[in-house]
Amino acid sequence: MTRLNVNINDETAAAIREAMEQGDITATEGVRRALSSYARRHRGQKRGRIELVEEDGGTVTRVVIL
């Protein structure tokens, strides 16, 4: 296992805290899940298989999986 220390802004810290409260998970698990989700989305977009369209505030308005 690799240990990684990162600096995050207040908005990101708040998002992690919110995920922790909603999912009853640790900060480590919240970050792990977020990075895993990002990696899956990025790989899918690279292959032209997923399209996400977002509005201000991060609301997903359309998801296309091909």
Protein backbone atom coordinates (compact mmCIF):
# COMPACT_ATOMS: atom_id res chain seq x y z
CA MET A 1 0.00 0.00 0.00
CA THR A 2 1.23 3.52 -0.81
CA ARG A 3 0.64 6.50 1.44
CA LEU A 4 -0.04 9.83 -0.28
CA ASN A 5 -0.40 13.26 1.31
CA VAL A 6 -2.20 15.92 -0.74
CA ASN A 7 -3.31 19.51 -0.27
CA ILE A 8 -6.94 20.23 -1.17
CA ASN A 9 -9.04 23.37 -1.21
CA ASP A 10 -11.93 24.03 1.19
CA GLU A 11 -14.56 23.08 -1.42
CA THR A 12 -12.97 19.68 -1.99
CA ALA A 13 -12.62 19.10 1.76
CA ALA A 14 -16.31 19.89 2.21
CA ALA A 15 -17.23 17.43 -0.56
CA ILE A 16 -15.20 14.71 1.15
CA ARG A 17 -16.83 15.46 4.51
CA GLU A 18 -20.28 15.30 2.88
CA ALA A 19 -19.47 11.94 1.28
CA MET A 20 -18.25 10.68 4.64
CA GLU A 21 -21.47 11.71 6.37
CA GLN A 22 -23.77 10.35 3.67
CA GLY A 23 -21.94 7.08 3.13
CA ASP A 24 -20.67 6.46 6.65
CA ILE A 25 -17.13 6.07 5.27
CA THR A 26 -13.67 7.34 6.17
CA ALA A 27 -11.94 10.19 4.36
CA THR A 28 -9.51 7.65 2.90
CA GLU A 29 -12.35 5.55 1.50
CA GLY A 30 -14.09 8.67 0.14
CA VAL A 31 -10.98 9.77 -1.72
CA ARG A 32 -10.37 6.21 -2.95
CA ARG A 33 -13.91 6.01 -4.35
CA ALA A 34 -13.69 9.44 -5.97
CA LEU A 35 -10.42 8.59 -7.71
CA SER A 36 -11.75 5.23 -8.83
CA SER A 37 -14.86 6.89 -10.28
CA TYR A 38 -12.74 9.51 -12.05
CA ALA A 39 -10.46 6.84 -13.53
CA ARG A 40 -13.42 4.80 -14.86
CA ARG A 41 -15.01 7.91 -16.38
CA HIS A 42 -11.73 9.04 -17.93
CA ARG A 43 -11.03 5.62 -19.48
CA GLY A 44 -14.57 5.49 -20.87
CA GLN A 45 -14.34 8.98 -22.33
CA LYS A 46 -10.99 8.14 -23.92
CA ARG A 47 -12.61 5.20 -25.66
CA GLY A 48 -15.56 7.33 -26.79
CA ARG A 49 -17.97 5.31 -24.70
CA ILE A 50 -19.22 7.83 -22.14
CA GLU A 51 -20.30 11.43 -22.51
CA LEU A 52 -21.14 13.58 -19.51
CA VAL A 53 -22.61 17.05 -19.80
CA GLU A 54 -22.68 19.18 -16.64
CA GLU A 55 -24.21 22.50 -15.70
CA ASP A 56 -22.84 24.95 -13.16
CA GLY A 57 -22.90 23.35 -9.77
CA GLY A 58 -21.93 19.94 -11.11
CA THR A 59 -25.44 18.75 -11.96
CA VAL A 60 -25.27 16.04 -14.63
CA THR A 61 -27.84 16.80 -17.29
CA ARG A 62 -27.05 14.04 -19.78
CA VAL A 63 -25.13 10.78 -19.64
CA VAL A 64 -24.59 8.75 -22.81
CA ILE A 65 -23.00 5.29 -22.62
CA LEU A 66 -22.21 3.79 -26.02
